Structure formats: structure tokens, C-alpha cells
């Protein structure tokens, strides 16, 4: 039996553990929209918290680069 990987972030690089693209990937966004379909404010708060966590990881990875703006990535 093959175990499917979930579309969750891989820390500290914030790439999807299943598909390898920038997290949240399309599959993760769809899952989150379904999970929070009745509470969009909670979804926004959850994503804002994760965005803050991700932003804290980026300087650890490459101190020669400025921290990326993650707003579009986490809220669109």
C-alpha cells in the first residue's frame, strides 16, 4: 500500500511536502477553503499566523537576501 503525502508545509523552506511547490499549494488552499468554509475569519487568522511563522524562517535560510513578502502567497 502506497501512502500519499499530505499537502502540508515542509519547514523551514515552506514548500509543500507532497508536490514540492511553494506552500500553500493549490491542493492545500482547496483543503483549507473546505475546512474553513463556514468561518472565513478563522481561515484568515490561521493563514496570517502561518505567514508570520514562514516569514521568521526565511532569514534563517539565507541571511544575504531580504525577507520575501508573503502576503499574496498566503492570502490569495
PDB file of N, CA and C in Angstrom:
ATOM      1  N   UNK A   1       0.840  -1.178   0.000  1.00  0.00           N
ATOM      2  CA  UNK A   1       0.000   0.000   0.000  1.00  0.00           C
ATOM      3  C   UNK A   1       0.885   1.241   0.000  1.00  0.00           C
ATOM      4  N   UNK A   2       0.626   2.156  -0.919  1.00  0.00           N
ATOM      5  CA  UNK A   2       1.383   3.395  -1.009  1.00  0.00           C
ATOM      6  C   UNK A   2       0.707   4.468  -0.176  1.00  0.00           C
ATOM      7  N   UNK A   3       1.476   5.099   0.662  1.00  0.00           N
ATOM      8  CA  UNK A   3       0.933   6.170   1.489  1.00  0.00           C
ATOM      9  C   UNK A   3       1.087   7.500   0.762  1.00  0.00           C
ATOM     10  N   UNK A   4      -0.015   8.217   0.599  1.00  0.00           N
ATOM     11  CA  UNK A   4       0.023   9.521  -0.051  1.00  0.00           C
ATOM     12  C   UNK A   4       0.456  10.571   0.943  1.00  0.00           C
ATOM     13  N   UNK A   5       1.329  11.452   0.495  1.00  0.00           N
ATOM     14  CA  UNK A   5       1.764  12.541   1.361  1.00  0.00           C
ATOM     15  C   UNK A   5       0.731  13.646   1.357  1.00  0.00           C
ATOM     16  N   UNK A   6       0.558  14.248   2.487  1.00  0.00           N
ATOM     17  CA  UNK A   6      -0.388  15.356   2.604  1.00  0.00           C
ATOM     18  C   UNK A   6       0.247  16.636   2.102  1.00  0.00           C
ATOM     19  N   UNK A   7      -0.597  17.553   1.666  1.00  0.00           N
ATOM     20  CA  UNK A   7      -0.127  18.854   1.184  1.00  0.00           C
ATOM     21  C   UNK A   7       0.020  19.792   2.379  1.00  0.00           C
ATOM     22  N   UNK A   8       1.097  19.582   3.110  1.00  0.00           N
ATOM     23  CA  UNK A   8       1.421  20.371   4.292  1.00  0.00           C
ATOM     24  C   UNK A   8       2.780  21.035   4.077  1.00  0.00           C
ATOM     25  N   UNK A   9       3.049  22.119   4.808  1.00  0.00           N
ATOM     26  CA  UNK A   9       4.334  22.793   4.613  1.00  0.00           C
ATOM     27  C   UNK A   9       5.492  21.996   5.181  1.00  0.00           C
ATOM     28  N   UNK A  10       6.600  22.052   4.474  1.00  0.00           N
ATOM     29  CA  UNK A  10       7.841  21.461   4.949  1.00  0.00           C
ATOM     30  C   UNK A  10       8.694  22.602   5.500  1.00  0.00           C
ATOM     31  N   UNK A  11       8.945  22.553   6.801  1.00  0.00           N
ATOM     32  CA  UNK A  11       9.694  23.641   7.449  1.00  0.00           C
ATOM     33  C   UNK A  11      11.182  23.387   7.385  1.00  0.00           C
ATOM     34  N   UNK A  12      12.017  24.342   7.289  1.00  0.00           N
ATOM     35  CA  UNK A  12      11.754  25.778   7.272  1.00  0.00           C
ATOM     36  C   UNK A  12      11.608  26.360   5.870  1.00  0.00           C
ATOM     37  N   UNK A  13      11.578  25.544   4.829  1.00  0.00           N
ATOM     38  CA  UNK A  13      11.584  26.087   3.471  1.00  0.00           C
ATOM     39  C   UNK A  13      10.194  26.446   2.950  1.00  0.00           C
ATOM     40  N   UNK A  14       9.141  26.004   3.619  1.00  0.00           N
ATOM     41  CA  UNK A  14       7.768  26.319   3.259  1.00  0.00           C
ATOM     42  C   UNK A  14       7.431  25.911   1.832  1.00  0.00           C
ATOM     43  N   UNK A  15       7.827  24.687   1.506  1.00  0.00           N
ATOM     44  CA  UNK A  15       7.430  24.051   0.245  1.00  0.00           C
ATOM     45  C   UNK A  15       6.492  22.914   0.629  1.00  0.00           C
ATOM     46  N   UNK A  16       5.587  22.562  -0.262  1.00  0.00           N
ATOM     47  CA  UNK A  16       4.618  21.501   0.002  1.00  0.00           C
ATOM     48  C   UNK A  16       5.339  20.160   0.099  1.00  0.00           C
ATOM     49  N   UNK A  17       5.040  19.410   1.134  1.00  0.00           N
ATOM     50  CA  UNK A  17       5.665  18.097   1.335  1.00  0.00           C
ATOM     51  C   UNK A  17       5.233  17.099   0.266  1.00  0.00           C
ATOM     52  N   UNK A  18       4.069  17.303  -0.353  1.00  0.00           N
ATOM     53  CA  UNK A  18       3.563  16.363  -1.351  1.00  0.00           C
ATOM     54  C   UNK A  18       4.005  16.717  -2.766  1.00  0.00           C
ATOM     55  N   UNK A  19       3.883  17.992  -3.145  1.00  0.00           N
ATOM     56  CA  UNK A  19       4.148  18.352  -4.547  1.00  0.00           C
ATOM     57  C   UNK A  19       5.378  19.225  -4.743  1.00  0.00           C
ATOM     58  N   UNK A  20       5.940  19.749  -3.675  1.00  0.00           N
ATOM     59  CA  UNK A  20       7.191  20.488  -3.760  1.00  0.00           C
ATOM     60  C   UNK A  20       7.107  21.943  -4.166  1.00  0.00           C
ATOM     61  N   UNK A  21       5.899  22.452  -4.436  1.00  0.00           N
ATOM     62  CA  UNK A  21       5.816  23.863  -4.800  1.00  0.00           C
ATOM     63  C   UNK A  21       5.621  24.712  -3.553  1.00  0.00           C
ATOM     64  N   UNK A  22       5.687  26.030  -3.727  1.00  0.00           N
ATOM     65  CA  UNK A  22       5.540  26.940  -2.597  1.00  0.00           C
ATOM     66  C   UNK A  22       4.217  26.675  -1.877  1.00  0.00           C
ATOM     67  N   UNK A  23       4.295  26.546  -0.558  1.00  0.00           N
ATOM     68  CA  UNK A  23       3.102  26.289   0.238  1.00  0.00           C
ATOM     69  C   UNK A  23       2.504  27.601   0.703  1.00  0.00           C
ATOM     70  N   UNK A  24       1.204  27.793   0.693  1.00  0.00           N
ATOM     71  CA  UNK A  24       0.197  26.788   0.410  1.00  0.00           C
ATOM     72  C   UNK A  24       0.010  26.578  -1.093  1.00  0.00           C
ATOM     73  N   UNK A  25       0.101  25.343  -1.508  1.00  0.00           N
ATOM     74  CA  UNK A  25      -0.108  24.966  -2.903  1.00  0.00           C
ATOM     75  C   UNK A  25      -1.614  24.972  -3.183  1.00  0.00           C
ATOM     76  N   UNK A  26      -1.980  24.754  -4.421  1.00  0.00           N
ATOM     77  CA  UNK A  26      -3.406  24.766  -4.795  1.00  0.00           C
ATOM     78  C   UNK A  26      -4.203  23.734  -4.010  1.00  0.00           C
ATOM     79  N   UNK A  27      -3.645  22.533  -3.856  1.00  0.00           N
ATOM     80  CA  UNK A  27      -4.351  21.483  -3.109  1.00  0.00           C
ATOM     81  C   UNK A  27      -4.552  21.885  -1.651  1.00  0.00           C
ATOM     82  N   UNK A  28      -3.544  22.513  -1.049  1.00  0.00           N
ATOM     83  CA  UNK A  28      -3.655  22.952   0.346  1.00  0.00           C
ATOM     84  C   UNK A  28      -4.692  24.070   0.466  1.00  0.00           C
ATOM     85  N   UNK A  29      -4.698  24.983  -0.501  1.00  0.00           N
ATOM     86  CA  UNK A  29      -5.682  26.067  -0.467  1.00  0.00           C
ATOM     87  C   UNK A  29      -7.105  25.523  -0.564  1.00  0.00           C
ATOM     88  N   UNK A  30      -7.311  24.553  -1.449  1.00  0.00           N
ATOM     89  CA  UNK A  30      -8.641  23.953  -1.573  1.00  0.00           C
ATOM     90  C   UNK A  30      -9.058  23.243  -0.294  1.00  0.00           C
ATOM     91  N   UNK A  31      -8.114  22.511   0.308  1.00  0.00           N
ATOM     92  CA  UNK A  31      -8.416  21.816   1.564  1.00  0.00           C
ATOM     93  C   UNK A  31      -8.772  22.819   2.660  1.00  0.00           C
ATOM     94  N   UNK A  32      -7.986  23.904   2.758  1.00  0.00           N
ATOM     95  CA  UNK A  32      -8.246  24.916   3.780  1.00  0.00           C
ATOM     96  C   UNK A  32      -9.583  25.621   3.543  1.00  0.00           C
ATOM     97  N   UNK A  33      -9.893  25.915   2.276  1.00  0.00           N
ATOM     98  CA  UNK A  33     -11.190  26.536   1.982  1.00  0.00           C
ATOM     99  C   UNK A  33     -12.343  25.628   2.402  1.00  0.00           C
ATOM    100  N   UNK A  34     -12.196  24.340   2.167  1.00  0.00           N
ATOM    101  CA  UNK A  34     -13.228  23.398   2.586  1.00  0.00           C
ATOM    102  C   UNK A  34     -13.326  23.284   4.096  1.00  0.00           C
ATOM    103  N   UNK A  35     -12.188  23.231   4.727  1.00  0.00           N
ATOM    104  CA  UNK A  35     -12.130  23.087   6.183  1.00  0.00           C
ATOM    105  C   UNK A  35     -12.718  24.302   6.897  1.00  0.00           C
ATOM    106  N   UNK A  36     -12.481  25.487   6.351  1.00  0.00           N
ATOM    107  CA  UNK A  36     -12.925  26.733   6.987  1.00  0.00           C
ATOM    108  C   UNK A  36     -14.093  27.376   6.238  1.00  0.00           C
ATOM    109  N   UNK A  37     -14.838  26.597   5.475  1.00  0.00           N
ATOM    110  CA  UNK A  37     -15.884  27.169   4.612  1.00  0.00           C
ATOM    111  C   UNK A  37     -16.928  27.974   5.370  1.00  0.00           C
ATOM    112  N   UNK A  38     -17.152  27.654   6.619  1.00  0.00           N
ATOM    113  CA  UNK A  38     -18.166  28.387   7.389  1.00  0.00           C
ATOM    114  C   UNK A  38     -17.573  29.477   8.271  1.00  0.00           C
ATOM    115  N   UNK A  39     -16.253  29.628   8.233  1.00  0.00           N
ATOM    116  CA  UNK A  39     -15.614  30.641   9.091  1.00  0.00           C
ATOM    117  C   UNK A  39     -14.396  31.239   8.399  1.00  0.00           C
ATOM    118  N   UNK A  40     -14.641  32.140   7.468  1.00  0.00           N
ATOM    119  CA  UNK A  40     -13.552  32.754   6.699  1.00  0.00           C
ATOM    120  C   UNK A  40     -12.636  33.607   7.577  1.00  0.00           C
ATOM    121  N   UNK A  41     -13.159  34.192   8.632  1.00  0.00           N
ATOM    122  CA  UNK A  41     -12.315  34.990   9.528  1.00  0.00           C
ATOM    123  C   UNK A  41     -11.301  34.087  10.213  1.00  0.00           C
ATOM    124  N   UNK A  42     -11.722  32.919  10.654  1.00  0.00           N
ATOM    125  CA  UNK A  42     -10.791  31.966  11.276  1.00  0.00           C
ATOM    126  C   UNK A  42      -9.735  31.524  10.274  1.00  0.00           C
ATOM    127  N   UNK A  43     -10.130  31.333   9.011  1.00  0.00           N
ATOM    128  CA  UNK A  43      -9.163  30.969   7.971  1.00  0.00           C
ATOM    129  C   UNK A  43      -8.129  32.074   7.799  1.00  0.00           C
ATOM    130  N   UNK A  44      -8.575  33.310   7.729  1.00  0.00           N
ATOM    131  CA  UNK A  44      -7.654  34.430   7.573  1.00  0.00           C
ATOM    132  C   UNK A  44      -6.694  34.527   8.759  1.00  0.00           C
ATOM    133  N   UNK A  45      -7.196  34.346   9.957  1.00  0.00           N
ATOM    134  CA  UNK A  45      -6.338  34.383  11.148  1.00  0.00           C
ATOM    135  C   UNK A  45      -5.330  33.232  11.134  1.00  0.00           C
ATOM    136  N   UNK A  46      -5.776  32.060  10.729  1.00  0.00           N
ATOM    137  CA  UNK A  46      -4.894  30.889  10.648  1.00  0.00           C
ATOM    138  C   UNK A  46      -3.771  31.144   9.636  1.00  0.00           C
ATOM    139  N   UNK A  47      -4.140  31.640   8.441  1.00  0.00           N
ATOM    140  CA  UNK A  47      -3.138  31.903   7.411  1.00  0.00           C
ATOM    141  C   UNK A  47      -2.199  33.043   7.802  1.00  0.00           C
ATOM    142  N   UNK A  48      -2.715  34.046   8.483  1.00  0.00           N
ATOM    143  CA  UNK A  48      -1.860  35.142   8.941  1.00  0.00           C
ATOM    144  C   UNK A  48      -0.832  34.647   9.953  1.00  0.00           C
ATOM    145  N   UNK A  49      -1.242  33.743  10.823  1.00  0.00           N
ATOM    146  CA  UNK A  49      -0.322  33.147  11.793  1.00  0.00           C
ATOM    147  C   UNK A  49       0.761  32.338  11.085  1.00  0.00           C
ATOM    148  N   UNK A  50       0.356  31.535  10.102  1.00  0.00           N
ATOM    149  CA  UNK A  50       1.329  30.748   9.340  1.00  0.00           C
ATOM    150  C   UNK A  50       2.256  31.636   8.522  1.00  0.00           C
ATOM    151  N   UNK A  51       1.730  32.730   7.985  1.00  0.00           N
ATOM    152  CA  UNK A  51       2.557  33.672   7.229  1.00  0.00           C
ATOM    153  C   UNK A  51       3.637  34.274   8.117  1.00  0.00           C
ATOM    154  N   UNK A  52       3.274  34.632   9.327  1.00  0.00           N
ATOM    155  CA  UNK A  52       4.242  35.180  10.279  1.00  0.00           C
ATOM    156  C   UNK A  52       5.312  34.149  10.612  1.00  0.00           C
ATOM    157  N   UNK A  53       4.907  32.913  10.798  1.00  0.00           N
ATOM    158  CA  UNK A  53       5.849  31.828  11.077  1.00  0.00           C
ATOM    159  C   UNK A  53       6.797  31.614   9.895  1.00  0.00           C
ATOM    160  N   UNK A  54       6.252  31.623   8.688  1.00  0.00           N
ATOM    161  CA  UNK A  54       7.073  31.439   7.490  1.00  0.00           C
ATOM    162  C   UNK A  54       8.069  32.582   7.332  1.00  0.00           C
ATOM    163  N   UNK A  55       7.608  33.798   7.557  1.00  0.00           N
ATOM    164  CA  UNK A  55       8.487  34.964   7.422  1.00  0.00           C
ATOM    165  C   UNK A  55       9.658  34.891   8.397  1.00  0.00           C
ATOM    166  N   UNK A  56       9.433  34.319   9.562  1.00  0.00           N
ATOM    167  CA  UNK A  56      10.509  34.180  10.544  1.00  0.00           C
ATOM    168  C   UNK A  56      11.546  33.151  10.104  1.00  0.00           C
ATOM    169  N   UNK A  57      11.136  32.165   9.302  1.00  0.00           N
ATOM    170  CA  UNK A  57      12.065  31.134   8.843  1.00  0.00           C
ATOM    171  C   UNK A  57      12.978  31.591   7.712  1.00  0.00           C
ATOM    172  N   UNK A  58      12.513  32.491   6.859  1.00  0.00           N
ATOM    173  CA  UNK A  58      13.289  32.853   5.684  1.00  0.00           C
ATOM    174  C   UNK A  58      14.645  33.493   5.990  1.00  0.00           C
ATOM    175  N   UNK A  59      14.766  34.387   6.955  1.00  0.00           N
ATOM    176  CA  UNK A  59      16.104  34.929   7.237  1.00  0.00           C
ATOM    177  C   UNK A  59      17.082  33.866   7.728  1.00  0.00           C
ATOM    178  N   UNK A  60      16.577  32.820   8.373  1.00  0.00           N
ATOM    179  CA  UNK A  60      17.439  31.740   8.846  1.00  0.00           C
ATOM    180  C   UNK A  60      18.060  30.980   7.681  1.00  0.00           C
ATOM    181  N   UNK A  61      17.343  30.930   6.557  1.00  0.00           N
ATOM    182  CA  UNK A  61      17.798  30.158   5.405  1.00  0.00           C
ATOM    183  C   UNK A  61      18.882  30.876   4.621  1.00  0.00           C
ATOM    184  N   UNK A  62      18.725  32.164   4.392  1.00  0.00           N
ATOM    185  CA  UNK A  62      19.686  32.912   3.593  1.00  0.00           C
ATOM    186  C   UNK A  62      19.718  34.348   4.093  1.00  0.00           C
ATOM    187  N   UNK A  63      20.698  34.654   4.913  1.00  0.00           N
ATOM    188  CA  UNK A  63      20.775  35.980   5.514  1.00  0.00           C
ATOM    189  C   UNK A  63      21.215  37.053   4.524  1.00  0.00           C
ATOM    190  N   UNK A  64      21.678  36.668   3.337  1.00  0.00           N
ATOM    191  CA  UNK A  64      22.091  37.662   2.346  1.00  0.00           C
ATOM    192  C   UNK A  64      20.905  38.221   1.565  1.00  0.00           C
ATOM    193  N   UNK A  65      19.740  37.604   1.700  1.00  0.00           N
ATOM    194  CA  UNK A  65      18.555  38.064   0.974  1.00  0.00           C
ATOM    195  C   UNK A  65      17.551  38.677   1.939  1.00  0.00           C
ATOM    196  N   UNK A  66      16.818  39.689   1.472  1.00  0.00           N
ATOM    197  CA  UNK A  66      15.763  40.246   2.325  1.00  0.00           C
ATOM    198  C   UNK A  66      14.609  39.254   2.460  1.00  0.00           C
ATOM    199  N   UNK A  67      13.866  39.385   3.507  1.00  0.00           N
ATOM    200  CA  UNK A  67      12.710  38.527   3.740  1.00  0.00           C
ATOM    201  C   UNK A  67      11.671  38.779   2.640  1.00  0.00           C
ATOM    202  N   UNK A  68      11.157  37.739   2.007  1.00  0.00           N
ATOM    203  CA  UNK A  68      10.170  37.945   0.946  1.00  0.00           C
ATOM    204  C   UNK A  68       8.825  38.409   1.498  1.00  0.00           C
ATOM    205  N   UNK A  69       8.063  39.110   0.669  1.00  0.00           N
ATOM    206  CA  UNK A  69       6.704  39.492   1.039  1.00  0.00           C
ATOM    207  C   UNK A  69       5.805  38.293   0.769  1.00  0.00           C
ATOM    208  N   UNK A  70       5.249  37.730   1.791  1.00  0.00           N
ATOM    209  CA  UNK A  70       4.465  36.508   1.675  1.00  0.00           C
ATOM    210  C   UNK A  70       2.962  36.750   1.648  1.00  0.00           C
ATOM    211  N   UNK A  71       2.553  38.022   1.604  1.00  0.00           N
ATOM    212  CA  UNK A  71       1.126  38.334   1.692  1.00  0.00           C
ATOM    213  C   UNK A  71       0.322  37.670   0.582  1.00  0.00           C
ATOM    214  N   UNK A  72       0.735  37.838  -0.677  1.00  0.00           N
ATOM    215  CA  UNK A  72      -0.011  37.226  -1.774  1.00  0.00           C
ATOM    216  C   UNK A  72      -0.015  35.714  -1.676  1.00  0.00           C
ATOM    217  N   UNK A  73       1.101  35.162  -1.294  1.00  0.00           N
ATOM    218  CA  UNK A  73       1.228  33.708  -1.219  1.00  0.00           C
ATOM    219  C   UNK A  73       0.247  33.096  -0.210  1.00  0.00           C
ATOM    220  N   UNK A  74       0.017  33.782   0.891  1.00  0.00           N
ATOM    221  CA  UNK A  74      -0.834  33.223   1.939  1.00  0.00           C
ATOM    222  C   UNK A  74      -2.280  33.705   1.897  1.00  0.00           C
ATOM    223  N   UNK A  75      -2.563  34.778   1.162  1.00  0.00           N
ATOM    224  CA  UNK A  75      -3.937  35.312   1.223  1.00  0.00           C
ATOM    225  C   UNK A  75      -4.649  35.335  -0.126  1.00  0.00           C
ATOM    226  N   UNK A  76      -4.057  34.806  -1.181  1.00  0.00           N
ATOM    227  CA  UNK A  76      -4.751  34.752  -2.467  1.00  0.00           C
ATOM    228  C   UNK A  76      -4.939  33.342  -2.930  1.00  0.00           C
TER     229      UNK A  76
END
